[in-house]
């Protein structure tokens, strides 16, 4: 995984009015955290990051250049830590970046991607995937784009757990080994026949009058 360039500039304001103004201009506010950085505010073109996410994914290494008027740009190696989107427009509203070292292992999450067709589904079974992301630890250069989960051997009643997954060399899985990833269960069947009718109760015998 190679680094992708991202040009940013120092953020000049923090007020709601300022943030709304730069968003209207196509810029996105962000914060960079790390050993050498104590929550540095930045801003950058939203389209630039959207293109990176679309082409390379969220776990790509970014070579961030913080431009400053009249000064030499500061360079940092970072990963995207969190992305906040607009609830209605789905535009990027804010991004947290994490400064990293290419020599140290980091913890992150990657998507689990199902491949193949489960035989159990072909005969009416229901496929369920309760775990869609895997927690891993590895060097930043070893982060996979995703982890493939082959379901081509899943019949009804079969399942795949974290311990069954194949991950690239150098990647450590942090999830519990017994955690369920995907399974195929039997379909729900309609109850056969109609419910048995409850027999009507016989009318109670009339009380007999006893003659004295």
Foldseek 3Di string as FASTA:
>chain_A
DDADEFEKEFDDDDDPVSLVVVVVVQKAWEFEDEPVGDTTIIIGHQVVVVVCCVPPNQLHWYFYWYDDPPDHTDTFIWGWDDWDADPPPRGTHYTYIYTDDQVAKDKDKAFEAEDADAPQVVVPWDKDFPDGIWIKIFGSVQDDNHFYDYRPHAHAPDFDFQLNGDDDPRIGTDDDRRHTGMHIHHDDDDDPDDDDDDDDDDDDDDDDDDDD
